[in-house]
Amino acid sequence: MSAEFDIAETLDVKGESCPMPVVKTKGAIDGLAAGDILEVLATDSGSMSDIDGWASGTDGVELVEQEERGDVYKHYVRKME
């Protein structure tokens, strides 16, 4: 898969471990407008399930796509409301 999105903001949480990628993703998404997409760059492999679980259980956000590029995990989260 290759992400082709209009990215509103990129959040770099490389080198951070659980729970910081999710905590910082939530903080960044709160500052975006409805419809904006946040790109999250992480090196914690657990961020794949952590951000998926957070987005699934959080109203107003949608996990659009995740991909693994070498040792970097990319997450694309859309603010819905």
Protein backbone atom coordinates (compact mmCIF):
# COMPACT_ATOMS: atom_id res chain seq x y z
CA MET A 1 0.00 0.00 0.00
CA SER A 2 1.11 3.51 -0.68
CA ALA A 3 -0.47 6.43 1.08
CA GLU A 4 -1.50 9.31 -1.14
CA PHE A 5 -3.27 11.73 1.16
CA ASP A 6 -3.46 15.47 1.60
CA ILE A 7 -1.56 15.59 4.88
CA ALA A 8 -2.47 18.50 7.16
CA GLU A 9 0.30 17.81 9.67
CA THR A 10 3.07 15.29 10.35
CA LEU A 11 3.78 14.10 13.89
CA ASP A 12 7.21 12.54 14.46
CA VAL A 13 7.20 10.21 17.47
CA LYS A 14 10.16 8.11 16.34
CA GLY A 15 12.11 6.78 19.31
CA GLU A 16 9.10 7.02 21.64
CA SER A 17 7.49 3.95 23.16
CA CYS A 18 4.01 3.17 24.44
CA PRO A 19 1.96 5.08 25.39
CA MET A 20 3.55 8.26 23.98
CA PRO A 21 2.72 7.71 20.27
CA VAL A 22 -0.99 7.48 21.14
CA VAL A 23 -0.85 10.33 23.69
CA LYS A 24 0.88 12.64 21.21
CA THR A 25 -1.39 11.55 18.35
CA LYS A 26 -4.44 12.47 20.41
CA GLY A 27 -2.94 15.86 21.24
CA ALA A 28 -2.10 16.58 17.62
CA ILE A 29 -5.47 15.46 16.24
CA ASP A 30 -7.27 17.71 18.73
CA GLY A 31 -5.65 20.72 17.06
CA LEU A 32 -6.77 19.84 13.54
CA ALA A 33 -9.91 20.81 11.64
CA ALA A 34 -12.58 18.29 10.64
CA GLY A 35 -11.47 16.32 7.59
CA ASP A 36 -7.75 16.94 8.17
CA ILE A 37 -5.38 13.99 8.05
CA LEU A 38 -2.52 13.58 10.51
CA GLU A 39 0.51 11.54 9.44
CA VAL A 40 2.21 9.87 12.41
CA LEU A 41 5.77 8.51 12.06
CA ALA A 42 6.76 5.98 14.73
CA THR A 43 9.49 3.40 15.32
CA ASP A 44 7.62 1.46 18.03
CA SER A 45 6.16 -1.66 16.37
CA GLY A 46 3.45 -1.67 19.04
CA SER A 47 2.16 1.61 17.62
CA MET A 48 0.47 -0.40 14.84
CA SER A 49 -1.97 -2.03 17.26
CA ASP A 50 -1.98 0.84 19.78
CA ILE A 51 -3.05 3.55 17.31
CA ASP A 52 -5.50 1.17 15.62
CA GLY A 53 -7.11 0.37 18.97
CA TRP A 54 -7.19 4.02 20.02
CA ALA A 55 -8.80 5.12 16.74
CA SER A 56 -11.35 2.28 16.86
CA GLY A 57 -12.43 3.27 20.35
CA THR A 58 -12.39 7.04 19.86
CA ASP A 59 -15.32 8.97 18.44
CA GLY A 60 -14.43 11.58 15.84
CA VAL A 61 -11.31 9.94 14.41
CA GLU A 62 -10.74 7.40 11.64
CA LEU A 63 -7.60 5.38 11.01
CA VAL A 64 -7.32 5.70 7.24
CA GLU A 65 -4.22 3.59 6.65
CA GLN A 66 -1.10 2.16 8.27
CA GLU A 67 2.08 1.06 6.56
CA GLU A 68 5.50 -0.22 7.52
CA ARG A 69 8.50 1.27 5.74
CA GLY A 70 11.64 -0.42 7.02
CA ASP A 71 11.83 0.47 10.70
CA VAL A 72 9.30 3.32 10.44
CA TYR A 73 5.58 2.79 10.96
CA LYS A 74 3.32 5.33 9.27
CA HIS A 75 -0.21 5.97 10.48
CA TYR A 76 -2.77 8.20 8.76
CA VAL A 77 -5.55 9.43 11.02
CA ARG A 78 -8.45 11.62 9.88
CA LYS A 79 -10.28 13.95 12.25
CA MET A 80 -13.97 13.44 11.58
CA GLU A 81 -15.63 16.16 13.64
